[in-house]
């Protein structure tokens, strides 16, 4: 399956890193601190992949611009309380990345994280050297806009039919579809097999090593 593609683009949270529960906890915590109704766990999962500003407006409709800025700052402060290391990677993430590198695949990241958060995560996990292209929602349009993927494709020179997006959220798969790129859903993060399957991925997998089994 993965042999058909030259460019493998990964989401970050919930795909390579086991961070979904921490993100949900942070969102619910800042809602309590700001006296807002706590969103459900699934509602929090559904916005992972959006930029922080869009995420806050989606979870807390009617926020003023000032309140939105406060919520974004509070989330960042709370999120940074937890250090990130290679222990936060899913167990199969590093073996899968090593195997892809041995296959001479070009690897990229397209994430809803901000640049600071992405840099911190790449350095903390030790994965920076694996990825040739990095795109985040802070400097690009947020998922499911195809902007990040279009930018990676343009810089890499890879045709859309030779690229594939791997992600745990329907936002990842929608972004891929909007960019004319194939996708693979992975059930380790935000959304279930059933939800991911609705967006016509070429496959839905339960762990990254399944990439090499088909």
C-alpha atoms as a PDB file:
ATOM      1  CA  UNK A   1       0.000   0.000   0.000  1.00  0.00           C
ATOM      2  CA  UNK A   2       2.523   2.615   1.099  1.00  0.00           C
ATOM      3  CA  UNK A   3       4.930   1.611  -1.690  1.00  0.00           C
ATOM      4  CA  UNK A   4       2.684   3.410  -4.203  1.00  0.00           C
ATOM      5  CA  UNK A   5       3.518   6.824  -2.738  1.00  0.00           C
ATOM      6  CA  UNK A   6       6.676   8.935  -2.712  1.00  0.00           C
ATOM      7  CA  UNK A   7       5.585  11.604  -0.223  1.00  0.00           C
ATOM      8  CA  UNK A   8       4.096  10.548   3.130  1.00  0.00           C
ATOM      9  CA  UNK A   9       2.471  13.396   5.062  1.00  0.00           C
ATOM     10  CA  UNK A  10       1.646  12.845   8.725  1.00  0.00           C
ATOM     11  CA  UNK A  11      -0.613  14.587  11.154  1.00  0.00           C
ATOM     12  CA  UNK A  12       1.041  14.957  14.567  1.00  0.00           C
ATOM     13  CA  UNK A  13      -1.287  14.715  17.595  1.00  0.00           C
ATOM     14  CA  UNK A  14      -3.057  11.367  17.779  1.00  0.00           C
ATOM     15  CA  UNK A  15      -1.152   9.998  14.788  1.00  0.00           C
ATOM     16  CA  UNK A  16       2.497   9.956  15.834  1.00  0.00           C
ATOM     17  CA  UNK A  17       2.129  11.204  19.407  1.00  0.00           C
ATOM     18  CA  UNK A  18      -0.252   9.935  22.086  1.00  0.00           C
ATOM     19  CA  UNK A  19      -1.408  13.409  23.108  1.00  0.00           C
ATOM     20  CA  UNK A  20      -5.166  13.482  22.575  1.00  0.00           C
ATOM     21  CA  UNK A  21      -6.145  12.954  26.217  1.00  0.00           C
ATOM     22  CA  UNK A  22      -3.789  15.718  27.351  1.00  0.00           C
ATOM     23  CA  UNK A  23      -5.257  18.139  24.794  1.00  0.00           C
ATOM     24  CA  UNK A  24      -8.784  17.312  25.960  1.00  0.00           C
ATOM     25  CA  UNK A  25      -7.787  17.751  29.611  1.00  0.00           C
ATOM     26  CA  UNK A  26      -6.244  21.155  28.850  1.00  0.00           C
ATOM     27  CA  UNK A  27      -9.336  22.395  27.030  1.00  0.00           C
ATOM     28  CA  UNK A  28     -11.700  21.253  29.765  1.00  0.00           C
ATOM     29  CA  UNK A  29      -9.459  22.740  32.439  1.00  0.00           C
ATOM     30  CA  UNK A  30      -9.318  26.195  30.880  1.00  0.00           C
ATOM     31  CA  UNK A  31     -13.083  26.151  30.346  1.00  0.00           C
ATOM     32  CA  UNK A  32     -13.513  25.607  34.088  1.00  0.00           C
ATOM     33  CA  UNK A  33     -10.994  28.326  34.907  1.00  0.00           C
ATOM     34  CA  UNK A  34     -12.798  30.823  32.673  1.00  0.00           C
ATOM     35  CA  UNK A  35     -16.232  29.905  34.025  1.00  0.00           C
ATOM     36  CA  UNK A  36     -17.424  28.428  30.730  1.00  0.00           C
ATOM     37  CA  UNK A  37     -19.430  25.264  30.175  1.00  0.00           C
ATOM     38  CA  UNK A  38     -17.022  22.362  29.838  1.00  0.00           C
ATOM     39  CA  UNK A  39     -17.201  20.819  26.355  1.00  0.00           C
ATOM     40  CA  UNK A  40     -17.514  17.068  26.054  1.00  0.00           C
ATOM     41  CA  UNK A  41     -14.485  14.902  25.404  1.00  0.00           C
ATOM     42  CA  UNK A  42     -15.632  14.168  21.859  1.00  0.00           C
ATOM     43  CA  UNK A  43     -16.308  17.841  21.153  1.00  0.00           C
ATOM     44  CA  UNK A  44     -12.728  18.568  22.189  1.00  0.00           C
ATOM     45  CA  UNK A  45     -11.431  15.782  19.962  1.00  0.00           C
ATOM     46  CA  UNK A  46     -13.424  17.088  17.014  1.00  0.00           C
ATOM     47  CA  UNK A  47     -11.527  20.407  16.920  1.00  0.00           C
ATOM     48  CA  UNK A  48      -8.014  18.912  17.091  1.00  0.00           C
ATOM     49  CA  UNK A  49      -6.390  19.944  13.843  1.00  0.00           C
ATOM     50  CA  UNK A  50      -7.909  23.407  13.749  1.00  0.00           C
ATOM     51  CA  UNK A  51      -5.840  26.439  14.641  1.00  0.00           C
ATOM     52  CA  UNK A  52      -6.239  27.404  18.305  1.00  0.00           C
ATOM     53  CA  UNK A  53      -8.273  30.496  17.452  1.00  0.00           C
ATOM     54  CA  UNK A  54     -10.692  28.501  15.308  1.00  0.00           C
ATOM     55  CA  UNK A  55     -10.844  25.734  17.894  1.00  0.00           C
ATOM     56  CA  UNK A  56     -11.856  28.128  20.665  1.00  0.00           C
ATOM     57  CA  UNK A  57     -14.515  29.793  18.535  1.00  0.00           C
ATOM     58  CA  UNK A  58     -15.905  26.392  17.564  1.00  0.00           C
ATOM     59  CA  UNK A  59     -16.039  25.103  21.142  1.00  0.00           C
ATOM     60  CA  UNK A  60     -17.190  28.363  22.704  1.00  0.00           C
ATOM     61  CA  UNK A  61     -19.402  30.209  20.191  1.00  0.00           C
ATOM     62  CA  UNK A  62     -19.881  33.897  20.845  1.00  0.00           C
ATOM     63  CA  UNK A  63     -16.468  34.508  22.386  1.00  0.00           C
ATOM     64  CA  UNK A  64     -15.351  38.092  22.005  1.00  0.00           C
ATOM     65  CA  UNK A  65     -12.003  38.746  20.364  1.00  0.00           C
ATOM     66  CA  UNK A  66     -10.547  39.570  23.771  1.00  0.00           C
ATOM     67  CA  UNK A  67     -11.937  36.401  25.337  1.00  0.00           C
ATOM     68  CA  UNK A  68     -10.632  34.320  22.436  1.00  0.00           C
ATOM     69  CA  UNK A  69      -7.125  35.695  22.923  1.00  0.00           C
ATOM     70  CA  UNK A  70      -7.390  34.916  26.645  1.00  0.00           C
ATOM     71  CA  UNK A  71      -8.513  31.348  25.981  1.00  0.00           C
ATOM     72  CA  UNK A  72      -5.739  30.711  23.457  1.00  0.00           C
ATOM     73  CA  UNK A  73      -3.117  32.028  25.879  1.00  0.00           C
ATOM     74  CA  UNK A  74      -4.573  29.977  28.734  1.00  0.00           C
ATOM     75  CA  UNK A  75      -4.533  26.826  26.621  1.00  0.00           C
ATOM     76  CA  UNK A  76      -0.927  27.332  25.585  1.00  0.00           C
ATOM     77  CA  UNK A  77       0.147  27.947  29.165  1.00  0.00           C
ATOM     78  CA  UNK A  78      -1.680  24.848  30.416  1.00  0.00           C
ATOM     79  CA  UNK A  79      -0.445  22.651  27.560  1.00  0.00           C
ATOM     80  CA  UNK A  80       3.175  23.624  28.207  1.00  0.00           C
ATOM     81  CA  UNK A  81       2.952  22.380  31.791  1.00  0.00           C
ATOM     82  CA  UNK A  82       3.634  18.895  30.441  1.00  0.00           C
ATOM     83  CA  UNK A  83       7.061  18.166  29.021  1.00  0.00           C
ATOM     84  CA  UNK A  84       7.170  16.127  25.853  1.00  0.00           C
ATOM     85  CA  UNK A  85       9.683  13.378  25.142  1.00  0.00           C
ATOM     86  CA  UNK A  86      10.140  10.266  23.030  1.00  0.00           C
ATOM     87  CA  UNK A  87       8.033   8.436  25.618  1.00  0.00           C
ATOM     88  CA  UNK A  88       4.994  10.303  24.259  1.00  0.00           C
ATOM     89  CA  UNK A  89       5.339   8.660  20.850  1.00  0.00           C
ATOM     90  CA  UNK A  90       3.088   5.762  19.999  1.00  0.00           C
ATOM     91  CA  UNK A  91       5.122   2.580  20.310  1.00  0.00           C
ATOM     92  CA  UNK A  92       5.083   1.932  16.568  1.00  0.00           C
ATOM     93  CA  UNK A  93       5.824   5.513  15.466  1.00  0.00           C
ATOM     94  CA  UNK A  94       9.612   5.345  15.436  1.00  0.00           C
ATOM     95  CA  UNK A  95       9.814   1.863  13.853  1.00  0.00           C
ATOM     96  CA  UNK A  96       7.411   2.997  11.124  1.00  0.00           C
ATOM     97  CA  UNK A  97       9.340   6.200  10.426  1.00  0.00           C
ATOM     98  CA  UNK A  98      12.621   4.288  10.295  1.00  0.00           C
ATOM     99  CA  UNK A  99      11.155   1.798   7.844  1.00  0.00           C
ATOM    100  CA  UNK A 100       9.823   4.601   5.629  1.00  0.00           C
ATOM    101  CA  UNK A 101      13.199   6.310   5.681  1.00  0.00           C
ATOM    102  CA  UNK A 102      14.864   3.024   4.664  1.00  0.00           C
ATOM    103  CA  UNK A 103      12.422   2.940   1.735  1.00  0.00           C
ATOM    104  CA  UNK A 104      13.633   6.429   0.695  1.00  0.00           C
ATOM    105  CA  UNK A 105      10.217   7.978   1.224  1.00  0.00           C
ATOM    106  CA  UNK A 106       9.983  11.742   1.678  1.00  0.00           C
ATOM    107  CA  UNK A 107       8.259  12.556   4.973  1.00  0.00           C
ATOM    108  CA  UNK A 108       6.318  15.669   5.974  1.00  0.00           C
ATOM    109  CA  UNK A 109       4.113  17.015   8.769  1.00  0.00           C
ATOM    110  CA  UNK A 110       0.835  18.927   8.369  1.00  0.00           C
ATOM    111  CA  UNK A 111      -0.581  19.846  11.771  1.00  0.00           C
ATOM    112  CA  UNK A 112      -2.978  22.173  13.502  1.00  0.00           C
ATOM    113  CA  UNK A 113      -0.300  22.954  16.080  1.00  0.00           C
ATOM    114  CA  UNK A 114       1.349  26.364  16.181  1.00  0.00           C
ATOM    115  CA  UNK A 115       4.959  26.729  15.132  1.00  0.00           C
ATOM    116  CA  UNK A 116       6.266  26.985  18.693  1.00  0.00           C
ATOM    117  CA  UNK A 117       4.343  23.900  19.746  1.00  0.00           C
ATOM    118  CA  UNK A 118       5.495  21.940  16.720  1.00  0.00           C
ATOM    119  CA  UNK A 119       9.141  22.915  17.255  1.00  0.00           C
ATOM    120  CA  UNK A 120       8.915  21.942  20.922  1.00  0.00           C
ATOM    121  CA  UNK A 121       7.329  18.599  20.052  1.00  0.00           C
ATOM    122  CA  UNK A 122       9.803  17.744  17.290  1.00  0.00           C
ATOM    123  CA  UNK A 123      12.773  18.530  19.488  1.00  0.00           C
ATOM    124  CA  UNK A 124      11.304  16.833  22.566  1.00  0.00           C
ATOM    125  CA  UNK A 125      10.587  13.590  20.705  1.00  0.00           C
ATOM    126  CA  UNK A 126      13.778  13.712  18.656  1.00  0.00           C
ATOM    127  CA  UNK A 127      11.916  13.384  15.354  1.00  0.00           C
ATOM    128  CA  UNK A 128      12.897  16.623  13.615  1.00  0.00           C
ATOM    129  CA  UNK A 129      15.456  15.003  11.321  1.00  0.00           C
ATOM    130  CA  UNK A 130      12.864  12.634   9.852  1.00  0.00           C
ATOM    131  CA  UNK A 131      10.778  15.312   8.146  1.00  0.00           C
ATOM    132  CA  UNK A 132      11.742  17.345   5.119  1.00  0.00           C
ATOM    133  CA  UNK A 133       8.638  19.543   5.117  1.00  0.00           C
ATOM    134  CA  UNK A 134       6.782  21.022   8.092  1.00  0.00           C
ATOM    135  CA  UNK A 135       3.520  22.947   7.904  1.00  0.00           C
ATOM    136  CA  UNK A 136       1.328  24.181  10.753  1.00  0.00           C
ATOM    137  CA  UNK A 137      -1.930  26.101  11.114  1.00  0.00           C
ATOM    138  CA  UNK A 138      -0.236  29.158  12.589  1.00  0.00           C
ATOM    139  CA  UNK A 139       1.268  30.160   9.246  1.00  0.00           C
ATOM    140  CA  UNK A 140      -1.165  28.387   6.885  1.00  0.00           C
ATOM    141  CA  UNK A 141      -4.917  28.029   6.572  1.00  0.00           C
ATOM    142  CA  UNK A 142      -6.299  25.521   9.067  1.00  0.00           C
ATOM    143  CA  UNK A 143      -7.606  22.066   8.218  1.00  0.00           C
ATOM    144  CA  UNK A 144      -9.671  21.053   6.295  1.00  0.00           C
ATOM    145  CA  UNK A 145      -8.342  23.716   3.914  1.00  0.00           C
ATOM    146  CA  UNK A 146      -5.890  22.095   1.468  1.00  0.00           C
ATOM    147  CA  UNK A 147      -3.462  25.021   1.894  1.00  0.00           C
ATOM    148  CA  UNK A 148      -0.844  23.090   3.888  1.00  0.00           C
ATOM    149  CA  UNK A 149      -0.861  20.165   1.463  1.00  0.00           C
ATOM    150  CA  UNK A 150      -0.773  22.386  -1.614  1.00  0.00           C
ATOM    151  CA  UNK A 151       2.249  24.168  -0.152  1.00  0.00           C
ATOM    152  CA  UNK A 152       4.081  20.908   0.571  1.00  0.00           C
ATOM    153  CA  UNK A 153       3.301  19.572  -2.903  1.00  0.00           C
ATOM    154  CA  UNK A 154       4.512  22.763  -4.548  1.00  0.00           C
ATOM    155  CA  UNK A 155       7.782  22.866  -2.634  1.00  0.00           C
ATOM    156  CA  UNK A 156       8.492  19.152  -2.981  1.00  0.00           C
ATOM    157  CA  UNK A 157       7.521  18.924  -6.640  1.00  0.00           C
ATOM    158  CA  UNK A 158       5.627  15.698  -5.955  1.00  0.00           C
ATOM    159  CA  UNK A 159       2.443  15.081  -7.942  1.00  0.00           C
ATOM    160  CA  UNK A 160      -0.734  14.743  -5.848  1.00  0.00           C
ATOM    161  CA  UNK A 161      -1.236  11.144  -6.967  1.00  0.00           C
ATOM    162  CA  UNK A 162       2.124  10.199  -5.442  1.00  0.00           C
ATOM    163  CA  UNK A 163       1.371  11.754  -2.044  1.00  0.00           C
ATOM    164  CA  UNK A 164      -0.694  10.439   0.859  1.00  0.00           C
ATOM    165  CA  UNK A 165      -1.925  11.978   4.117  1.00  0.00           C
ATOM    166  CA  UNK A 166      -2.060   9.889   7.304  1.00  0.00           C
ATOM    167  CA  UNK A 167      -4.193  11.167  10.165  1.00  0.00           C
ATOM    168  CA  UNK A 168      -6.472  10.283  13.054  1.00  0.00           C
ATOM    169  CA  UNK A 169      -9.110  12.959  12.441  1.00  0.00           C
ATOM    170  CA  UNK A 170     -11.792  13.502   9.829  1.00  0.00           C
ATOM    171  CA  UNK A 171     -10.231  16.963   9.385  1.00  0.00           C
ATOM    172  CA  UNK A 172      -7.078  15.270   8.073  1.00  0.00           C
ATOM    173  CA  UNK A 173      -9.014  13.193   5.586  1.00  0.00           C
ATOM    174  CA  UNK A 174     -11.142  16.140   4.450  1.00  0.00           C
ATOM    175  CA  UNK A 175      -7.979  18.189   3.919  1.00  0.00           C
ATOM    176  CA  UNK A 176      -6.503  15.394   1.797  1.00  0.00           C
ATOM    177  CA  UNK A 177      -9.652  15.122  -0.287  1.00  0.00           C
ATOM    178  CA  UNK A 178      -9.729  18.893  -0.821  1.00  0.00           C
ATOM    179  CA  UNK A 179      -6.124  18.725  -2.050  1.00  0.00           C
ATOM    180  CA  UNK A 180      -6.733  15.776  -4.377  1.00  0.00           C
ATOM    181  CA  UNK A 181      -4.444  13.608  -2.252  1.00  0.00           C
ATOM    182  CA  UNK A 182      -5.100  10.060  -1.024  1.00  0.00           C
ATOM    183  CA  UNK A 183      -5.463   9.458   2.702  1.00  0.00           C
ATOM    184  CA  UNK A 184      -5.159   6.791   5.365  1.00  0.00           C
ATOM    185  CA  UNK A 185      -7.142   7.019   8.579  1.00  0.00           C
ATOM    186  CA  UNK A 186      -5.631   5.749  11.819  1.00  0.00           C
ATOM    187  CA  UNK A 187      -7.788   4.912  14.825  1.00  0.00           C
ATOM    188  CA  UNK A 188      -5.307   5.950  17.533  1.00  0.00           C
ATOM    189  CA  UNK A 189      -6.631   9.447  18.141  1.00  0.00           C
ATOM    190  CA  UNK A 190      -9.630  11.701  17.649  1.00  0.00           C
ATOM    191  CA  UNK A 191     -12.054   9.658  15.565  1.00  0.00           C
ATOM    192  CA  UNK A 192     -13.310   6.124  15.220  1.00  0.00           C
ATOM    193  CA  UNK A 193     -12.974   3.716  12.314  1.00  0.00           C
ATOM    194  CA  UNK A 194     -16.595   4.403  11.381  1.00  0.00           C
ATOM    195  CA  UNK A 195     -16.129   8.183  11.319  1.00  0.00           C
ATOM    196  CA  UNK A 196     -12.875   7.998   9.361  1.00  0.00           C
ATOM    197  CA  UNK A 197     -14.297   5.522   6.846  1.00  0.00           C
ATOM    198  CA  UNK A 198     -16.975   8.020   5.824  1.00  0.00           C
ATOM    199  CA  UNK A 199     -14.296  10.136   4.126  1.00  0.00           C
ATOM    200  CA  UNK A 200     -13.076   7.538   1.633  1.00  0.00           C
ATOM    201  CA  UNK A 201      -9.519   6.852   2.827  1.00  0.00           C
ATOM    202  CA  UNK A 202      -7.651   4.179   0.896  1.00  0.00           C
ATOM    203  CA  UNK A 203      -7.428   2.318   4.220  1.00  0.00           C
ATOM    204  CA  UNK A 204      -8.146   2.631   7.927  1.00  0.00           C
ATOM    205  CA  UNK A 205      -5.458   1.193  10.181  1.00  0.00           C
ATOM    206  CA  UNK A 206      -5.110   0.595  13.907  1.00  0.00           C
ATOM    207  CA  UNK A 207      -1.365   1.218  14.132  1.00  0.00           C
ATOM    208  CA  UNK A 208       1.353   2.575  11.870  1.00  0.00           C
ATOM    209  CA  UNK A 209       3.053  -0.754  11.215  1.00  0.00           C
ATOM    210  CA  UNK A 210      -0.058  -1.821   9.327  1.00  0.00           C
ATOM    211  CA  UNK A 211       1.164   0.512   6.572  1.00  0.00           C
ATOM    212  CA  UNK A 212       3.536  -2.245   5.523  1.00  0.00           C
ATOM    213  CA  UNK A 213       1.100  -5.142   5.668  1.00  0.00           C
ATOM    214  CA  UNK A 214      -0.981  -4.378   2.593  1.00  0.00           C
END
